[in-house]
Amino acid sequence: MKGTKITDGIYRIGVNLEGDSLFEGMWPIPNGVSINSYVVRGQKNALIDLVQNIGEKPAEYQEALASLSLEPGQIDYLVINHMEPDHTGWLAEFSKKNPNIEYYITAKGASVLKAFCGIEKNVHTVKTGDILDLGAGKTLTFYEAPNVHWPETMVTYENSSKILFSCDAFGSYGAITDAVFDDQLSTEQYDFFLQEALRYYANIVAGFSSFVEKAIALLKNLDIRIIAPSHGIVWRENPQAIIDAYARFARYMNGPAEPEITVIWASMYGNTEKVVRRVIQGARSEGIPVHVFRTPEEDVGFILASAWKSAGLILGMPTYEYRMFPPMAWVLDMFARKKVMNKKVLRFGSFGWSGGAQRELEAITEKLKWDFMEPVEWQGAPSEEIMDLAAARSRELAAKIKAEYGK
């Protein structure tokens, strides 16, 4: 892949991770994900972030760099917005090709740089408002953005072009091929990247939503003409669209969320499954969107994105040895880790000789401020009365959500 010109003297270079890999070793990316790096050329040359050291990706990266008539030894400065290895995995090898390069990084990042790469020479620690002058009118201003999504994260702003190099903020899943910019996308592609931005946010950033809101507030007085994130497309026609999307995603943690319900269910021998259809019918009877997932068949990475934006959750699970059915326990544990908060929740499910799933559910979600309805539980196979009750309770939940969050 060749480098792409963004504006005079500023270029994107990047690689794609393929869809058969797992991002961060756990999140499915069926449509891949891009890793973006940026070149800013003044009298001196700066690179903003690098690339993961996996397979042929460093070779692809060097090929893209060479398309701009640059090689590693010609880079004067490396700006490290974030030390996570998808952006810095190739750094140790890169530094051998350019032993005199100077690094710009936050103070917290410098300690991680030493721990990961053993690099201490030529390291300049920066804080919000510090400026690096590249000459020829190109200057970079640094802004600390802690916990978006590591404590050492910062973003970089090029003053002449008004480009924000936003690191993991405003990123999304999805490989980049011919279309690099938002104005090059079809309506379907545009919607795809916004949807993948939600899934990326829910998987990677959600637990740090309060810090996302602080970072957006910090940057609100900047004149941002282009947003160039570390993952996903470059927003040059309407950068405010992705800013607004991230502000909305962050707001979902404390509400209001969307007037929608996510149904997540699992079944051992079919007794919980028999009630699922009636629950869905009850929820949909109020005319709000209902999204349905079965675990473990569907990955928690997709479930998480739907649950994050939905005001209501319906959880179908049997009791398993006095506790939650393990595939559902994994989903709920992830919800707790990612702070899926302030939901209205109904649970239904069967048990064999004893209940217990509800107790564990309430314990694992204790800090999430969920508003539980009375669960629908039964022993063995469900009766018609149980099915009617489950449908009525799900309809009641939908009505509450429609009344409180409907527009």
Protein backbone atom coordinates (compact mmCIF):
# COMPACT_ATOMS: atom_id res chain seq x y z
CA MET A 1 0.00 0.00 0.00
CA LYS A 2 1.32 3.43 -0.94
CA GLY A 3 1.30 6.53 1.22
CA THR A 4 -1.70 8.82 0.76
CA LYS A 5 -1.45 12.60 0.73
CA ILE A 6 -3.77 14.30 3.21
CA THR A 7 -2.54 17.84 2.59
CA ASP A 8 0.75 19.48 1.63
CA GLY A 9 3.55 17.74 3.50
CA ILE A 10 1.28 15.40 5.47
CA TYR A 11 0.63 11.77 4.53
CA ARG A 12 -1.03 8.65 5.83
CA ILE A 13 0.78 5.35 5.67
CA GLY A 14 -0.79 2.21 7.01
CA VAL A 15 -1.36 -1.51 6.93
CA ASN A 16 -4.38 -3.73 7.51
CA LEU A 17 -4.75 -6.60 9.92
CA GLU A 18 -6.73 -9.33 8.21
CA GLY A 19 -10.16 -10.54 9.22
CA ASP A 20 -8.98 -13.95 10.41
CA SER A 21 -7.03 -12.42 13.29
CA LEU A 22 -8.28 -11.23 16.67
CA PHE A 23 -7.69 -7.63 17.68
CA GLU A 24 -6.01 -7.40 21.09
CA GLY A 25 -5.99 -11.19 20.95
CA MET A 26 -9.73 -11.40 21.65
CA TRP A 27 -11.99 -9.17 19.51
CA PRO A 28 -13.23 -10.50 16.14
CA ILE A 29 -12.50 -8.29 13.14
CA PRO A 30 -14.20 -10.07 10.22
CA ASN A 31 -13.63 -7.02 8.04
CA GLY A 32 -10.11 -6.38 9.29
CA VAL A 33 -8.75 -3.23 10.89
CA SER A 34 -6.28 -0.63 9.71
CA ILE A 35 -3.23 0.56 11.62
CA ASN A 36 -2.55 4.13 10.58
CA SER A 37 0.68 6.09 10.88
CA TYR A 38 1.34 9.61 9.66
CA VAL A 39 4.25 11.52 8.13
CA VAL A 40 4.60 15.27 8.66
CA ARG A 41 7.30 16.89 6.53
CA GLY A 42 8.74 20.32 7.32
CA GLN A 43 12.43 21.07 7.31
CA LYS A 44 12.52 18.03 9.56
CA ASN A 45 10.54 14.80 9.14
CA ALA A 46 8.26 13.46 11.86
CA LEU A 47 6.47 10.15 12.09
CA ILE A 48 3.38 9.89 14.28
CA ASP A 49 3.09 6.32 15.60
CA LEU A 50 4.34 3.14 13.97
CA VAL A 51 3.03 -0.35 13.25
CA GLN A 52 2.57 -3.76 14.86
CA ASN A 53 5.40 -6.24 14.43
CA ILE A 54 3.39 -9.11 13.00
CA GLY A 55 3.99 -11.13 9.84
CA GLU A 56 4.85 -9.00 6.84
CA LYS A 57 3.36 -5.80 8.26
CA PRO A 58 6.71 -4.05 8.94
CA ALA A 59 7.77 -4.79 5.34
CA GLU A 60 4.47 -3.40 4.03
CA TYR A 61 4.95 -0.35 6.22
CA GLN A 62 8.46 0.29 4.89
CA GLU A 63 7.15 -0.07 1.35
CA ALA A 64 4.53 2.60 2.05
CA LEU A 65 7.20 4.82 3.57
CA ALA A 66 9.41 4.30 0.52
CA SER A 67 6.54 5.41 -1.74
CA LEU A 68 7.06 8.85 -0.18
CA SER A 69 10.81 8.63 -0.94
CA LEU A 70 11.55 8.10 2.75
CA GLU A 71 13.38 5.42 4.65
CA PRO A 72 13.61 4.94 8.44
CA GLY A 73 16.99 6.67 8.66
CA GLN A 74 15.53 9.89 7.24
CA ILE A 75 13.02 10.37 10.05
CA ASP A 76 14.11 12.99 12.57
CA TYR A 77 11.34 12.62 15.16
CA LEU A 78 9.01 9.85 16.23
CA VAL A 79 5.90 11.05 18.04
CA ILE A 80 4.44 8.24 20.13
CA ASN A 81 0.84 9.03 20.97
CA HIS A 82 0.29 5.64 22.59
CA MET A 83 2.60 2.77 23.54
CA GLU A 84 0.26 -0.17 22.91
CA PRO A 85 2.06 -2.69 20.67
CA ASP A 86 -0.33 -2.35 17.71
CA HIS A 87 1.27 1.10 17.30
CA THR A 88 4.79 0.40 18.58
CA GLY A 89 5.48 -3.32 18.15
CA TRP A 90 8.05 -2.62 15.43
CA LEU A 91 9.72 0.17 17.42
CA ALA A 92 12.68 -1.84 18.68
CA GLU A 93 13.64 -2.86 15.14
CA PHE A 94 12.89 0.61 13.78
CA SER A 95 15.20 2.22 16.34
CA LYS A 96 18.07 0.02 15.13
CA LYS A 97 17.61 1.42 11.64
CA ASN A 98 17.67 4.97 13.03
CA PRO A 99 19.65 5.05 16.31
CA ASN A 100 19.74 8.86 16.45
CA ILE A 101 16.01 9.49 16.12
CA GLU A 102 14.41 11.65 18.81
CA TYR A 103 11.23 10.54 20.58
CA TYR A 104 8.34 12.70 21.79
CA ILE A 105 6.09 11.06 24.34
CA THR A 106 4.31 11.75 27.64
CA ALA A 107 6.16 11.20 30.90
CA LYS A 108 4.07 8.12 31.69
CA GLY A 109 4.71 6.88 28.17
CA ALA A 110 8.46 7.23 28.61
CA SER A 111 8.48 4.65 31.41
CA VAL A 112 6.49 2.25 29.21
CA LEU A 113 8.89 2.93 26.32
CA LYS A 114 11.79 1.90 28.52
CA ALA A 115 9.97 -1.21 29.79
CA PHE A 116 8.84 -2.39 26.34
CA CYS A 117 11.80 -1.37 24.19
CA GLY A 118 14.67 -0.48 26.54
CA ILE A 119 14.83 3.00 24.96
CA GLU A 120 15.99 5.91 27.14
CA LYS A 121 18.22 7.91 24.76
CA ASN A 122 16.85 10.99 22.97
CA VAL A 123 13.49 10.78 24.75
CA HIS A 124 11.66 14.09 25.18
CA THR A 125 8.72 14.02 27.60
CA VAL A 126 5.91 16.41 26.74
CA LYS A 127 2.77 17.74 28.38
CA THR A 128 -0.33 19.53 27.17
CA GLY A 129 0.56 22.64 25.18
CA ASP A 130 4.15 21.70 24.34
CA ILE A 131 5.12 22.37 20.71
CA LEU A 132 7.55 20.71 18.31
CA ASP A 133 8.58 22.97 15.41
CA LEU A 134 9.46 21.03 12.27
CA GLY A 135 10.24 24.13 10.22
CA ALA A 136 8.63 25.24 6.94
CA GLY A 137 5.49 26.22 8.83
CA LYS A 138 4.77 22.80 10.33
CA THR A 139 4.34 22.69 14.12
CA LEU A 140 2.96 19.95 16.33
CA THR A 141 1.16 20.68 19.60
CA PHE A 142 0.67 17.87 22.11
CA TYR A 143 -2.37 17.28 24.31
CA GLU A 144 -2.45 14.65 27.02
CA ALA A 145 -5.52 12.39 26.83
CA PRO A 146 -5.00 9.96 29.71
CA ASN A 147 -6.98 6.73 29.72
CA VAL A 148 -8.18 7.05 26.15
CA HIS A 149 -7.43 4.29 26.55
CA TRP A 150 -4.05 3.88 28.36
CA PRO A 151 -2.81 6.30 31.05
CA GLU A 152 0.04 7.56 28.83
CA THR A 153 -2.05 8.41 25.78
CA MET A 154 -1.82 11.79 24.07
CA VAL A 155 -3.06 13.30 20.81
CA THR A 156 -1.12 15.55 18.42
CA TYR A 157 -2.35 18.61 16.53
CA GLU A 158 -0.67 20.08 13.46
CA ASN A 159 -1.34 23.78 13.59
CA SER A 160 -1.06 24.86 9.94
CA SER A 161 -3.35 22.15 8.53
CA LYS A 162 -5.63 21.91 11.60
CA ILE A 163 -5.24 18.11 11.61
CA LEU A 164 -5.78 16.20 14.84
CA PHE A 165 -3.84 12.94 15.01
CA SER A 166 -6.15 11.38 17.55
CA CYS A 167 -4.57 7.99 18.24
CA ASP A 168 -7.20 5.46 19.40
CA ALA A 169 -9.81 8.18 19.93
CA PHE A 170 -12.28 8.43 17.04
CA GLY A 171 -11.09 5.10 15.63
CA SER A 172 -13.02 2.18 14.18
CA TYR A 173 -12.63 -1.35 12.95
CA GLY A 174 -12.56 -2.04 9.21
CA ALA A 175 -9.72 -2.44 6.73
CA ILE A 176 -8.84 0.48 4.44
CA THR A 177 -8.34 -0.21 0.75
CA ASP A 178 -8.88 2.44 -1.93
CA ALA A 179 -11.07 4.78 0.13
CA VAL A 180 -9.09 6.51 2.86
CA PHE A 181 -11.33 9.53 3.52
CA ASP A 182 -14.95 9.87 4.64
CA ASP A 183 -15.90 11.77 1.46
CA GLN A 184 -14.76 8.82 -0.69
CA LEU A 185 -17.24 6.39 0.86
CA SER A 186 -20.61 5.26 -0.41
CA THR A 187 -23.54 5.62 1.96
CA GLU A 188 -23.26 1.92 2.81
CA GLN A 189 -19.52 2.20 3.49
CA TYR A 190 -20.02 5.32 5.59
CA ASP A 191 -22.66 3.59 7.71
CA PHE A 192 -20.38 0.55 8.01
CA PHE A 193 -17.52 2.59 9.48
CA LEU A 194 -19.84 4.35 11.93
CA GLN A 195 -21.21 0.98 13.06
CA GLU A 196 -17.70 -0.42 13.38
CA ALA A 197 -16.75 2.70 15.35
CA LEU A 198 -19.44 1.74 17.87
CA ARG A 199 -18.19 -1.83 18.10
CA TYR A 200 -14.58 -0.62 18.40
CA TYR A 201 -15.64 1.83 21.11
CA ALA A 202 -17.59 -0.77 23.08
CA ASN A 203 -14.78 -3.32 22.86
CA ILE A 204 -11.80 -1.05 23.48
CA VAL A 205 -12.75 2.29 25.01
CA ALA A 206 -16.10 1.88 26.77
CA GLY A 207 -14.76 1.42 30.29
CA PHE A 208 -13.01 4.79 30.01
CA SER A 209 -16.01 6.79 28.82
CA SER A 210 -15.63 9.49 31.46
CA PHE A 211 -12.10 10.13 30.18
CA VAL A 212 -13.39 10.26 26.60
CA GLU A 213 -15.77 13.03 27.64
CA LYS A 214 -12.90 14.91 29.31
CA ALA A 215 -10.75 14.59 26.20
CA ILE A 216 -13.56 15.88 23.95
CA ALA A 217 -14.02 18.83 26.29
CA LEU A 218 -10.26 19.53 26.19
CA LEU A 219 -10.27 19.65 22.40
CA LYS A 220 -13.52 21.57 21.87
CA ASN A 221 -11.74 24.91 21.42
CA LEU A 222 -9.42 23.58 18.72
CA ASP A 223 -10.17 24.37 15.09
CA ILE A 224 -10.18 20.77 13.83
CA ARG A 225 -10.44 20.49 10.05
CA ILE A 226 -9.37 16.82 9.76
CA ILE A 227 -9.30 13.91 12.22
CA ALA A 228 -6.65 11.30 11.50
CA PRO A 229 -7.06 8.35 13.92
CA SER A 230 -4.81 5.35 14.39
CA HIS A 231 -7.55 2.96 13.21
CA GLY A 232 -10.16 3.56 10.54
CA ILE A 233 -10.80 6.22 7.94
CA VAL A 234 -9.53 9.81 7.93
CA TRP A 235 -12.37 12.29 8.51
CA ARG A 236 -11.74 15.32 6.30
CA GLU A 237 -15.21 16.27 5.00
CA ASN A 238 -17.06 16.14 8.31
CA PRO A 239 -14.81 15.47 11.30
CA GLN A 240 -17.58 16.59 13.62
CA ALA A 241 -19.52 13.44 12.69
CA ILE A 242 -17.08 11.13 14.44
CA ILE A 243 -16.65 13.54 17.37
CA ASP A 244 -20.41 13.58 17.86
CA ALA A 245 -20.56 9.79 17.53
CA TYR A 246 -17.92 9.31 20.25
CA ALA A 247 -19.65 11.84 22.50
CA ARG A 248 -22.87 9.84 22.05
CA PHE A 249 -21.13 6.52 22.71
CA ALA A 250 -19.61 7.93 25.91
CA ARG A 251 -22.99 9.23 27.06
CA TYR A 252 -24.52 5.74 26.84
CA MET A 253 -22.68 4.72 30.03
CA ASN A 254 -24.71 7.03 32.26
CA GLY A 255 -27.62 7.55 29.91
CA PRO A 256 -29.71 8.21 28.10
CA ALA A 257 -29.08 5.18 25.92
CA GLU A 258 -31.08 4.32 22.81
CA PRO A 259 -34.70 3.13 23.21
CA GLU A 260 -33.78 -0.40 22.20
CA ILE A 261 -33.53 -3.83 23.81
CA THR A 262 -30.75 -6.37 23.43
CA VAL A 263 -31.79 -9.98 24.09
CA ILE A 264 -28.95 -12.34 25.00
CA TRP A 265 -29.74 -15.96 25.62
CA ALA A 266 -28.20 -19.39 26.13
CA SER A 267 -29.75 -22.79 26.69
CA MET A 268 -28.44 -26.20 27.75
CA TYR A 269 -31.23 -28.62 26.89
CA GLY A 270 -33.81 -26.39 25.24
CA ASN A 271 -36.01 -25.49 28.20
CA THR A 272 -34.86 -21.86 28.28
CA GLU A 273 -34.82 -21.74 24.48
CA LYS A 274 -38.54 -22.59 24.35
CA VAL A 275 -39.37 -19.21 25.89
CA VAL A 276 -37.09 -17.06 23.73
CA ARG A 277 -39.54 -16.56 20.86
CA ARG A 278 -42.30 -15.40 23.22
CA VAL A 279 -39.93 -13.00 24.96
CA ILE A 280 -38.91 -11.46 21.64
CA GLN A 281 -42.54 -11.11 20.58
CA GLY A 282 -43.39 -9.38 23.84
CA ALA A 283 -40.49 -6.94 23.54
CA ARG A 284 -41.24 -6.10 19.91
CA SER A 285 -44.92 -5.51 20.58
CA GLU A 286 -44.10 -1.97 21.74
CA GLY A 287 -42.49 -1.11 18.41
CA ILE A 288 -38.93 -0.48 19.60
CA PRO A 289 -35.86 -2.20 18.05
CA VAL A 290 -34.93 -5.58 19.53
CA HIS A 291 -31.54 -7.19 18.84
CA VAL A 292 -31.08 -10.89 19.56
CA PHE A 293 -27.85 -12.80 20.28
CA ARG A 294 -27.19 -16.35 21.35
CA THR A 295 -24.07 -17.18 23.31
CA PRO A 296 -21.60 -18.86 22.92
CA GLU A 297 -22.48 -19.07 19.21
CA GLU A 298 -22.11 -15.29 18.80
CA ASP A 299 -19.01 -13.53 20.06
CA VAL A 300 -19.15 -11.21 23.04
CA GLY A 301 -17.46 -8.49 20.94
CA PHE A 302 -20.66 -8.10 18.88
CA ILE A 303 -22.97 -8.56 21.87
CA LEU A 304 -21.14 -5.85 23.79
CA ALA A 305 -21.67 -3.21 21.10
CA SER A 306 -25.42 -3.83 21.00
CA ALA A 307 -25.78 -3.91 24.77
CA TRP A 308 -23.72 -0.73 25.17
CA LYS A 309 -26.18 1.38 23.17
CA SER A 310 -29.41 -0.33 24.35
CA ALA A 311 -31.39 1.03 27.28
CA GLY A 312 -32.79 -2.43 28.03
CA LEU A 313 -31.38 -5.93 28.36
CA ILE A 314 -33.20 -9.25 28.46
CA LEU A 315 -31.05 -12.15 29.62
CA GLY A 316 -32.15 -15.74 29.06
CA MET A 317 -30.08 -18.36 30.87
CA PRO A 318 -30.55 -21.54 32.86
CA THR A 319 -29.08 -22.13 36.28
CA TYR A 320 -25.95 -24.27 36.08
CA GLU A 321 -24.77 -25.90 39.33
CA TYR A 322 -26.35 -23.18 41.50
CA ARG A 323 -24.86 -20.39 39.35
CA MET A 324 -25.18 -18.73 35.93
CA PHE A 325 -24.72 -20.81 32.81
CA PRO A 326 -20.95 -20.32 32.12
CA PRO A 327 -21.24 -18.83 28.58
CA MET A 328 -23.57 -16.18 29.97
CA ALA A 329 -21.31 -15.63 32.98
CA TRP A 330 -18.49 -14.77 30.56
CA VAL A 331 -20.69 -12.21 28.81
CA LEU A 332 -21.79 -10.65 32.09
CA ASP A 333 -18.24 -10.54 33.39
CA MET A 334 -17.25 -8.59 30.27
CA PHE A 335 -20.19 -6.24 30.81
CA ALA A 336 -18.86 -5.52 34.30
CA ARG A 337 -15.32 -4.97 33.02
CA LYS A 338 -16.51 -2.57 30.31
CA LYS A 339 -18.99 -0.78 32.62
CA VAL A 340 -22.22 -1.48 30.79
CA MET A 341 -24.17 0.62 33.26
CA ASN A 342 -27.65 1.97 33.96
CA LYS A 343 -29.74 -0.61 32.13
CA LYS A 344 -33.28 -1.86 32.71
CA VAL A 345 -32.99 -5.64 32.88
CA LEU A 346 -35.20 -8.73 32.81
CA ARG A 347 -33.89 -12.26 33.25
CA PHE A 348 -35.65 -15.51 32.46
CA GLY A 349 -34.49 -19.12 32.65
CA SER A 350 -35.05 -22.67 33.78
CA PHE A 351 -33.38 -24.69 36.53
CA GLY A 352 -33.04 -28.35 37.31
CA TRP A 353 -32.99 -29.06 41.05
CA SER A 354 -32.32 -25.54 42.33
CA GLY A 355 -32.07 -21.92 41.23
CA GLY A 356 -29.13 -19.60 41.87
CA ALA A 357 -28.36 -17.88 38.58
CA GLN A 358 -30.18 -14.70 39.62
CA ARG A 359 -28.14 -14.36 42.82
CA GLU A 360 -24.86 -14.56 40.92
CA LEU A 361 -26.16 -12.19 38.24
CA GLU A 362 -27.03 -9.55 40.81
CA ALA A 363 -23.67 -9.98 42.54
CA ILE A 364 -21.59 -9.64 39.37
CA THR A 365 -23.54 -6.56 38.24
CA GLU A 366 -23.80 -4.93 41.68
CA LYS A 367 -21.83 -1.82 40.67
CA LEU A 368 -23.51 -1.36 37.29
CA LYS A 369 -26.67 0.30 38.65
CA TRP A 370 -29.02 -2.03 36.80
CA ASP A 371 -32.76 -1.76 37.41
CA PHE A 372 -33.95 -5.37 37.61
CA MET A 373 -37.48 -6.52 36.99
CA GLU A 374 -38.68 -9.61 38.82
CA PRO A 375 -37.18 -12.59 36.96
CA VAL A 376 -39.18 -15.34 35.31
CA GLU A 377 -37.83 -18.68 36.55
CA TRP A 378 -39.23 -22.19 36.39
CA GLN A 379 -38.19 -25.74 37.08
CA GLY A 380 -37.82 -28.06 34.13
CA ALA A 381 -39.91 -27.40 31.03
CA PRO A 382 -41.89 -24.13 30.76
CA SER A 383 -45.67 -24.20 30.97
CA GLU A 384 -47.99 -22.02 28.89
CA GLU A 385 -48.45 -19.85 31.97
CA ILE A 386 -44.67 -19.30 32.17
CA MET A 387 -44.50 -18.42 28.50
CA ASP A 388 -47.35 -15.94 28.89
CA LEU A 389 -45.68 -14.41 31.95
CA ALA A 390 -42.33 -14.05 30.15
CA ALA A 391 -44.03 -12.36 27.19
CA ALA A 392 -45.91 -10.00 29.51
CA ARG A 393 -42.76 -9.07 31.46
CA SER A 394 -40.77 -8.38 28.30
CA ARG A 395 -43.63 -6.26 26.97
CA GLU A 396 -43.66 -4.35 30.28
CA LEU A 397 -39.91 -3.74 30.00
CA ALA A 398 -40.28 -2.47 26.45
CA ALA A 399 -43.09 -0.15 27.51
CA LYS A 400 -40.95 1.34 30.28
CA ILE A 401 -38.07 1.94 27.90
CA LYS A 402 -40.33 3.44 25.28
CA ALA A 403 -41.89 5.78 27.83
CA GLU A 404 -38.56 6.87 29.35
CA TYR A 405 -36.23 6.94 26.34
CA GLY A 406 -38.52 7.09 23.30
CA LYS A 407 -38.26 10.13 21.11
